Amino acid sequence: MITPDARIAELERLDAAATPGDWFVEPDMRSDRVGDMCDSENGYRDYLAGFNVNSQDAEIIGIEGMAASDQDEANAALIVAMRNSLPTLLAEHAAMKALTEPFKDFHGDLPDYDHPMRCVFESGIQYAVELLAKELGVEHWEVCDGTEEFDGDLGGTMVNIVCVSLPEDEHGDRMFPRDVHNALAAMKARVGALEDAVRQYRNDMQWLPEPDSRDRRIKMIDAVLEGGKS
């Protein structure tokens, strides 16, 4: 399978080896004798034999067999158009490759707003934003705008997506990630304090005089403590 780079290299080789452009299509007009050669009343007639492809110095590149149909004229025109356009297309490909090459495995700042690669980066950013929303199950979110910085608007939009996926506080307001973190930390502290109190209560149960009641309550407390670990 020919790689794109190999195909471009072959086109560059053919371009360099071929007759320089511009080429153009010229009707191949010919004359032919009508009637008997000895008939003085009949002379020559002109007719369209086909189409030639010429170079700029009128050299006939030659398209023998290019007949006079509309399809053949279109074929000749395509050959000319491709040859005349090839140098420009190759130059544009080289220029675009020079622009994109520095951004392979790129992890730096975004290109400037007028850079040709800017639109590519912004498309990737939009994809990442939508992927985040999809993974969190968020269908509607508020786009952040007005920070006067691209990073600020983007960061605000992503935070908004995350916040929509989080629970509400006791006032019905959406919680920010730091609020959820603080709430979980406080809950963990309360659970730890409760476990300490239960353990202390278990130790106090050791002094109950009734063995059956004491053992039954200790087993219940152990079950509660074990369930808190899972």
C-alpha atoms as a PDB file:
ATOM      1  CA  MET A   1       0.000   0.000   0.000  1.00  0.00           C
ATOM      2  CA  ILE A   2       1.390   3.383  -1.004  1.00  0.00           C
ATOM      3  CA  THR A   3       1.637   5.799   1.906  1.00  0.00           C
ATOM      4  CA  PRO A   4       0.473   9.416   1.498  1.00  0.00           C
ATOM      5  CA  ASP A   5       4.063  10.655   1.796  1.00  0.00           C
ATOM      6  CA  ALA A   6       5.210   8.220  -0.897  1.00  0.00           C
ATOM      7  CA  ARG A   7       2.386   9.327  -3.179  1.00  0.00           C
ATOM      8  CA  ILE A   8       3.339  12.981  -2.699  1.00  0.00           C
ATOM      9  CA  ALA A   9       6.980  12.170  -3.411  1.00  0.00           C
ATOM     10  CA  GLU A  10       6.006  10.435  -6.654  1.00  0.00           C
ATOM     11  CA  LEU A  11       3.896  13.410  -7.743  1.00  0.00           C
ATOM     12  CA  GLU A  12       6.831  15.725  -7.029  1.00  0.00           C
ATOM     13  CA  ARG A  13       9.087  13.505  -9.161  1.00  0.00           C
ATOM     14  CA  LEU A  14       6.626  13.470 -12.049  1.00  0.00           C
ATOM     15  CA  ASP A  15       6.122  17.234 -11.807  1.00  0.00           C
ATOM     16  CA  ALA A  16       9.846  17.867 -12.020  1.00  0.00           C
ATOM     17  CA  ALA A  17      10.338  15.492 -14.959  1.00  0.00           C
ATOM     18  CA  ALA A  18       7.364  16.646 -17.062  1.00  0.00           C
ATOM     19  CA  THR A  19       7.194  19.525 -19.507  1.00  0.00           C
ATOM     20  CA  PRO A  20       6.594  22.701 -17.486  1.00  0.00           C
ATOM     21  CA  GLY A  21       3.146  24.278 -17.498  1.00  0.00           C
ATOM     22  CA  ASP A  22       0.988  26.007 -18.271  1.00  0.00           C
ATOM     23  CA  TRP A  23      -0.559  23.517 -20.616  1.00  0.00           C
ATOM     24  CA  PHE A  24      -3.697  24.160 -22.650  1.00  0.00           C
ATOM     25  CA  VAL A  25      -6.167  22.277 -24.816  1.00  0.00           C
ATOM     26  CA  GLU A  26      -6.245  23.058 -28.510  1.00  0.00           C
ATOM     27  CA  PRO A  27      -8.636  21.594 -31.103  1.00  0.00           C
ATOM     28  CA  ASP A  28      -6.850  19.439 -33.672  1.00  0.00           C
ATOM     29  CA  MET A  29      -8.220  20.868 -36.941  1.00  0.00           C
ATOM     30  CA  ARG A  30      -7.313  18.983 -40.096  1.00  0.00           C
ATOM     31  CA  SER A  31      -8.110  19.242 -43.770  1.00  0.00           C
ATOM     32  CA  ASP A  32      -9.092  16.444 -46.075  1.00  0.00           C
ATOM     33  CA  ARG A  33      -9.753  16.323 -49.832  1.00  0.00           C
ATOM     34  CA  VAL A  34     -13.330  15.817 -50.805  1.00  0.00           C
ATOM     35  CA  GLY A  35     -14.091  13.849 -53.940  1.00  0.00           C
ATOM     36  CA  ASP A  36     -11.684  12.719 -56.636  1.00  0.00           C
ATOM     37  CA  MET A  37      -8.239  14.305 -56.626  1.00  0.00           C
ATOM     38  CA  CYS A  38      -8.727  15.216 -60.278  1.00  0.00           C
ATOM     39  CA  ASP A  39     -12.055  16.863 -59.667  1.00  0.00           C
ATOM     40  CA  SER A  40     -11.352  20.566 -59.867  1.00  0.00           C
ATOM     41  CA  GLU A  41     -14.743  21.533 -58.525  1.00  0.00           C
ATOM     42  CA  ASN A  42     -14.169  19.871 -55.177  1.00  0.00           C
ATOM     43  CA  GLY A  43     -11.411  21.067 -52.850  1.00  0.00           C
ATOM     44  CA  TYR A  44     -10.472  20.459 -49.219  1.00  0.00           C
ATOM     45  CA  ARG A  45     -12.690  20.521 -46.129  1.00  0.00           C
ATOM     46  CA  ASP A  46     -11.710  21.227 -42.533  1.00  0.00           C
ATOM     47  CA  TYR A  47     -12.820  18.962 -39.742  1.00  0.00           C
ATOM     48  CA  LEU A  48     -12.160  18.437 -36.021  1.00  0.00           C
ATOM     49  CA  ALA A  49      -9.953  15.389 -35.636  1.00  0.00           C
ATOM     50  CA  GLY A  50      -9.711  15.603 -31.856  1.00  0.00           C
ATOM     51  CA  PHE A  51      -7.935  17.585 -29.165  1.00  0.00           C
ATOM     52  CA  ASN A  52      -4.255  18.230 -28.495  1.00  0.00           C
ATOM     53  CA  VAL A  53      -2.643  19.145 -25.221  1.00  0.00           C
ATOM     54  CA  ASN A  54      -0.035  21.841 -25.812  1.00  0.00           C
ATOM     55  CA  SER A  55       2.641  23.396 -23.633  1.00  0.00           C
ATOM     56  CA  GLN A  56       3.149  27.122 -23.304  1.00  0.00           C
ATOM     57  CA  ASP A  57       5.730  27.123 -26.131  1.00  0.00           C
ATOM     58  CA  ALA A  58       3.178  25.456 -28.459  1.00  0.00           C
ATOM     59  CA  GLU A  59       4.845  22.073 -28.199  1.00  0.00           C
ATOM     60  CA  ILE A  60       2.247  19.371 -28.656  1.00  0.00           C
ATOM     61  CA  ILE A  61       2.430  17.130 -25.628  1.00  0.00           C
ATOM     62  CA  GLY A  62       0.336  14.745 -27.653  1.00  0.00           C
ATOM     63  CA  ILE A  63      -2.899  12.998 -26.922  1.00  0.00           C
ATOM     64  CA  GLU A  64      -3.103  10.663 -29.870  1.00  0.00           C
ATOM     65  CA  GLY A  65      -6.471   8.997 -29.993  1.00  0.00           C
ATOM     66  CA  MET A  66      -8.164  11.864 -28.130  1.00  0.00           C
ATOM     67  CA  ALA A  67     -11.156  12.031 -30.426  1.00  0.00           C
ATOM     68  CA  ALA A  68     -13.674  14.782 -31.012  1.00  0.00           C
ATOM     69  CA  SER A  69     -16.437  13.811 -28.601  1.00  0.00           C
ATOM     70  CA  ASP A  70     -17.538  15.881 -25.637  1.00  0.00           C
ATOM     71  CA  GLN A  71     -16.125  13.239 -23.301  1.00  0.00           C
ATOM     72  CA  ASP A  72     -12.723  13.372 -24.973  1.00  0.00           C
ATOM     73  CA  GLU A  73     -12.653  17.150 -24.712  1.00  0.00           C
ATOM     74  CA  ALA A  74     -13.472  16.852 -21.008  1.00  0.00           C
ATOM     75  CA  ASN A  75     -10.675  14.297 -20.546  1.00  0.00           C
ATOM     76  CA  ALA A  76      -8.169  16.592 -22.234  1.00  0.00           C
ATOM     77  CA  ALA A  77      -9.337  19.510 -20.085  1.00  0.00           C
ATOM     78  CA  LEU A  78      -8.906  17.431 -16.919  1.00  0.00           C
ATOM     79  CA  ILE A  79      -5.342  16.463 -17.841  1.00  0.00           C
ATOM     80  CA  VAL A  80      -4.496  20.113 -18.428  1.00  0.00           C
ATOM     81  CA  ALA A  81      -6.152  21.274 -15.213  1.00  0.00           C
ATOM     82  CA  MET A  82      -4.386  18.650 -13.112  1.00  0.00           C
ATOM     83  CA  ARG A  83      -0.991  19.431 -14.616  1.00  0.00           C
ATOM     84  CA  ASN A  84      -1.414  23.190 -14.203  1.00  0.00           C
ATOM     85  CA  SER A  85      -2.685  22.825 -10.620  1.00  0.00           C
ATOM     86  CA  LEU A  86      -0.130  20.266  -9.434  1.00  0.00           C
ATOM     87  CA  PRO A  87       2.699  22.678  -8.486  1.00  0.00           C
ATOM     88  CA  THR A  88       0.309  24.808  -6.431  1.00  0.00           C
ATOM     89  CA  LEU A  89      -1.214  21.790  -4.715  1.00  0.00           C
ATOM     90  CA  LEU A  90       2.214  20.395  -3.868  1.00  0.00           C
ATOM     91  CA  ALA A  91       3.326  23.762  -2.503  1.00  0.00           C
ATOM     92  CA  GLU A  92       0.191  24.059  -0.372  1.00  0.00           C
ATOM     93  CA  HIS A  93       0.682  20.527   0.948  1.00  0.00           C
ATOM     94  CA  ALA A  94       4.284  21.328   1.898  1.00  0.00           C
ATOM     95  CA  ALA A  95       3.209  24.549   3.614  1.00  0.00           C
ATOM     96  CA  MET A  96       0.470  22.793   5.596  1.00  0.00           C
ATOM     97  CA  LYS A  97       2.865  20.035   6.610  1.00  0.00           C
ATOM     98  CA  ALA A  98       5.327  22.642   7.843  1.00  0.00           C
ATOM     99  CA  LEU A  99       2.540  24.199   9.925  1.00  0.00           C
ATOM    100  CA  THR A 100       1.296  20.945  11.429  1.00  0.00           C
ATOM    101  CA  GLU A 101       4.609  19.153  12.008  1.00  0.00           C
ATOM    102  CA  PRO A 102       5.510  21.124  15.172  1.00  0.00           C
ATOM    103  CA  PHE A 103       2.191  20.123  16.773  1.00  0.00           C
ATOM    104  CA  LYS A 104       2.746  16.371  16.729  1.00  0.00           C
ATOM    105  CA  ASP A 105       2.520  15.147  20.366  1.00  0.00           C
ATOM    106  CA  PHE A 106       2.108  18.798  21.375  1.00  0.00           C
ATOM    107  CA  HIS A 107       1.394  19.624  25.035  1.00  0.00           C
ATOM    108  CA  GLY A 108       1.913  23.384  25.139  1.00  0.00           C
ATOM    109  CA  ASP A 109      -0.311  26.435  24.940  1.00  0.00           C
ATOM    110  CA  LEU A 110      -2.975  26.880  22.290  1.00  0.00           C
ATOM    111  CA  PRO A 111      -1.864  28.398  18.969  1.00  0.00           C
ATOM    112  CA  ASP A 112      -2.688  32.042  18.360  1.00  0.00           C
ATOM    113  CA  TYR A 113      -6.206  32.891  17.154  1.00  0.00           C
ATOM    114  CA  ASP A 114      -5.008  33.554  13.583  1.00  0.00           C
ATOM    115  CA  HIS A 115      -2.964  30.341  13.369  1.00  0.00           C
ATOM    116  CA  PRO A 116      -4.321  27.782  10.851  1.00  0.00           C
ATOM    117  CA  MET A 117      -4.144  25.058  13.503  1.00  0.00           C
ATOM    118  CA  ARG A 118      -6.300  26.969  15.977  1.00  0.00           C
ATOM    119  CA  CYS A 119      -9.551  25.547  14.614  1.00  0.00           C
ATOM    120  CA  VAL A 120      -8.182  21.998  14.942  1.00  0.00           C
ATOM    121  CA  PHE A 121      -7.337  22.541  18.595  1.00  0.00           C
ATOM    122  CA  GLU A 122     -10.707  24.112  19.349  1.00  0.00           C
ATOM    123  CA  SER A 123     -12.473  21.161  17.720  1.00  0.00           C
ATOM    124  CA  GLY A 124     -10.517  18.798  19.970  1.00  0.00           C
ATOM    125  CA  ILE A 125     -11.396  20.891  23.022  1.00  0.00           C
ATOM    126  CA  GLN A 126     -15.091  20.822  22.136  1.00  0.00           C
ATOM    127  CA  TYR A 127     -14.891  17.046  21.760  1.00  0.00           C
ATOM    128  CA  ALA A 128     -13.295  16.752  25.217  1.00  0.00           C
ATOM    129  CA  VAL A 129     -15.990  18.953  26.779  1.00  0.00           C
ATOM    130  CA  GLU A 130     -18.788  16.877  25.256  1.00  0.00           C
ATOM    131  CA  LEU A 131     -17.047  13.635  26.246  1.00  0.00           C
ATOM    132  CA  LEU A 132     -16.837  14.832  29.857  1.00  0.00           C
ATOM    133  CA  ALA A 133     -20.563  15.598  29.864  1.00  0.00           C
ATOM    134  CA  LYS A 134     -21.350  12.216  28.317  1.00  0.00           C
ATOM    135  CA  GLU A 135     -19.293  10.283  30.867  1.00  0.00           C
ATOM    136  CA  LEU A 136     -20.965  12.152  33.760  1.00  0.00           C
ATOM    137  CA  GLY A 137     -24.430  11.735  32.278  1.00  0.00           C
ATOM    138  CA  VAL A 138     -24.978  15.483  31.927  1.00  0.00           C
ATOM    139  CA  GLU A 139     -27.210  16.626  29.076  1.00  0.00           C
ATOM    140  CA  HIS A 140     -27.623  20.332  29.857  1.00  0.00           C
ATOM    141  CA  TRP A 141     -25.005  22.656  31.244  1.00  0.00           C
ATOM    142  CA  GLU A 142     -24.166  26.341  31.241  1.00  0.00           C
ATOM    143  CA  VAL A 143     -21.330  27.502  28.999  1.00  0.00           C
ATOM    144  CA  CYS A 144     -19.024  29.836  30.867  1.00  0.00           C
ATOM    145  CA  ASP A 145     -18.405  33.112  29.062  1.00  0.00           C
ATOM    146  CA  GLY A 146     -17.065  36.466  30.112  1.00  0.00           C
ATOM    147  CA  THR A 147     -13.786  35.693  31.885  1.00  0.00           C
ATOM    148  CA  GLU A 148     -11.951  37.394  28.991  1.00  0.00           C
ATOM    149  CA  GLU A 149      -9.610  34.386  28.798  1.00  0.00           C
ATOM    150  CA  PHE A 150      -9.965  31.184  26.833  1.00  0.00           C
ATOM    151  CA  ASP A 151      -8.687  29.058  29.715  1.00  0.00           C
ATOM    152  CA  GLY A 152     -11.066  30.775  32.133  1.00  0.00           C
ATOM    153  CA  ASP A 153     -14.131  30.159  29.975  1.00  0.00           C
ATOM    154  CA  LEU A 154     -13.105  26.582  29.252  1.00  0.00           C
ATOM    155  CA  GLY A 155     -12.341  25.811  32.889  1.00  0.00           C
ATOM    156  CA  GLY A 156     -15.608  27.387  33.998  1.00  0.00           C
ATOM    157  CA  THR A 157     -17.592  25.361  31.472  1.00  0.00           C
ATOM    158  CA  MET A 158     -15.998  22.100  32.612  1.00  0.00           C
ATOM    159  CA  VAL A 159     -16.650  22.944  36.269  1.00  0.00           C
ATOM    160  CA  ASN A 160     -20.284  23.672  35.387  1.00  0.00           C
ATOM    161  CA  ILE A 161     -20.601  20.230  33.790  1.00  0.00           C
ATOM    162  CA  VAL A 162     -19.122  18.548  36.857  1.00  0.00           C
ATOM    163  CA  CYS A 163     -21.354  20.543  39.211  1.00  0.00           C
ATOM    164  CA  VAL A 164     -24.517  19.460  37.364  1.00  0.00           C
ATOM    165  CA  SER A 165     -23.538  15.842  38.079  1.00  0.00           C
ATOM    166  CA  LEU A 166     -23.063  16.490  41.815  1.00  0.00           C
ATOM    167  CA  PRO A 167     -25.774  16.437  44.522  1.00  0.00           C
ATOM    168  CA  GLU A 168     -27.476  19.505  45.943  1.00  0.00           C
ATOM    169  CA  ASP A 169     -26.868  20.882  49.422  1.00  0.00           C
ATOM    170  CA  GLU A 170     -29.505  21.286  52.120  1.00  0.00           C
ATOM    171  CA  HIS A 171     -30.599  24.556  50.516  1.00  0.00           C
ATOM    172  CA  GLY A 172     -31.165  22.969  47.102  1.00  0.00           C
ATOM    173  CA  ASP A 173     -28.090  24.591  45.555  1.00  0.00           C
ATOM    174  CA  ARG A 174     -25.632  22.713  43.379  1.00  0.00           C
ATOM    175  CA  MET A 175     -22.506  21.732  45.257  1.00  0.00           C
ATOM    176  CA  PHE A 176     -19.039  22.450  43.921  1.00  0.00           C
ATOM    177  CA  PRO A 177     -16.419  19.682  43.991  1.00  0.00           C
ATOM    178  CA  ARG A 178     -14.715  21.278  47.011  1.00  0.00           C
ATOM    179  CA  ASP A 179     -18.076  21.347  48.824  1.00  0.00           C
ATOM    180  CA  VAL A 180     -18.573  17.640  48.171  1.00  0.00           C
ATOM    181  CA  HIS A 181     -15.017  16.963  49.339  1.00  0.00           C
ATOM    182  CA  ASN A 182     -15.600  18.902  52.553  1.00  0.00           C
ATOM    183  CA  ALA A 183     -18.943  17.200  53.134  1.00  0.00           C
ATOM    184  CA  LEU A 184     -17.415  13.734  52.700  1.00  0.00           C
ATOM    185  CA  ALA A 185     -14.541  14.629  55.010  1.00  0.00           C
ATOM    186  CA  ALA A 186     -16.975  15.849  57.673  1.00  0.00           C
ATOM    187  CA  MET A 187     -19.091  12.714  57.255  1.00  0.00           C
ATOM    188  CA  LYS A 188     -16.019  10.529  57.600  1.00  0.00           C
ATOM    189  CA  ALA A 189     -15.111  12.348  60.815  1.00  0.00           C
ATOM    190  CA  ARG A 190     -18.620  11.883  62.207  1.00  0.00           C
ATOM    191  CA  VAL A 191     -18.628   8.193  61.298  1.00  0.00           C
ATOM    192  CA  GLY A 192     -15.252   7.796  62.967  1.00  0.00           C
ATOM    193  CA  ALA A 193     -16.526   9.463  66.121  1.00  0.00           C
ATOM    194  CA  LEU A 194     -19.624   7.246  66.089  1.00  0.00           C
ATOM    195  CA  GLU A 195     -17.498   4.118  65.706  1.00  0.00           C
ATOM    196  CA  ASP A 196     -15.350   5.203  68.638  1.00  0.00           C
ATOM    197  CA  ALA A 197     -18.483   5.704  70.740  1.00  0.00           C
ATOM    198  CA  VAL A 198     -19.815   2.272  69.740  1.00  0.00           C
ATOM    199  CA  ARG A 199     -16.506   0.626  70.632  1.00  0.00           C
ATOM    200  CA  GLN A 200     -16.535   2.332  74.000  1.00  0.00           C
ATOM    201  CA  TYR A 201     -20.093   1.153  74.544  1.00  0.00           C
ATOM    202  CA  ARG A 202     -18.989  -2.392  73.637  1.00  0.00           C
ATOM    203  CA  ASN A 203     -16.245  -2.259  76.208  1.00  0.00           C
ATOM    204  CA  ASP A 204     -18.707  -1.064  78.799  1.00  0.00           C
ATOM    205  CA  MET A 205     -20.937  -4.039  77.970  1.00  0.00           C
ATOM    206  CA  GLN A 206     -18.261  -6.365  79.354  1.00  0.00           C
ATOM    207  CA  TRP A 207     -19.386  -5.428  82.859  1.00  0.00           C
ATOM    208  CA  LEU A 208     -23.025  -6.389  82.433  1.00  0.00           C
ATOM    209  CA  PRO A 209     -24.002  -9.079  84.952  1.00  0.00           C
ATOM    210  CA  GLU A 210     -26.264 -11.096  82.623  1.00  0.00           C
ATOM    211  CA  PRO A 211     -24.012 -13.180  80.272  1.00  0.00           C
ATOM    212  CA  ASP A 212     -26.706 -13.947  77.665  1.00  0.00           C
ATOM    213  CA  SER A 213     -27.848 -10.359  77.316  1.00  0.00           C
ATOM    214  CA  ARG A 214     -24.280  -9.101  77.311  1.00  0.00           C
ATOM    215  CA  ASP A 215     -23.072 -11.533  74.628  1.00  0.00           C
ATOM    216  CA  ARG A 216     -26.106 -10.837  72.422  1.00  0.00           C
ATOM    217  CA  ARG A 217     -25.536  -7.087  72.545  1.00  0.00           C
ATOM    218  CA  ILE A 218     -21.808  -7.450  71.884  1.00  0.00           C
ATOM    219  CA  LYS A 219     -22.535  -9.514  68.770  1.00  0.00           C
ATOM    220  CA  MET A 220     -24.944  -6.864  67.537  1.00  0.00           C
ATOM    221  CA  ILE A 221     -22.349  -4.143  68.068  1.00  0.00           C
ATOM    222  CA  ASP A 222     -19.654  -6.223  66.315  1.00  0.00           C
ATOM    223  CA  ALA A 223     -22.006  -6.676  63.361  1.00  0.00           C
ATOM    224  CA  VAL A 224     -22.549  -2.914  63.159  1.00  0.00           C
ATOM    225  CA  LEU A 225     -18.817  -2.227  63.309  1.00  0.00           C
ATOM    226  CA  GLU A 226     -18.072  -4.863  60.697  1.00  0.00           C
ATOM    227  CA  GLY A 227     -20.736  -3.480  58.392  1.00  0.00           C
ATOM    228  CA  GLY A 228     -19.186  -0.022  58.615  1.00  0.00           C
ATOM    229  CA  LYS A 229     -15.947  -1.393  57.193  1.00  0.00           C
ATOM    230  CA  SER A 230     -17.582  -2.743  54.034  1.00  0.00           C
END
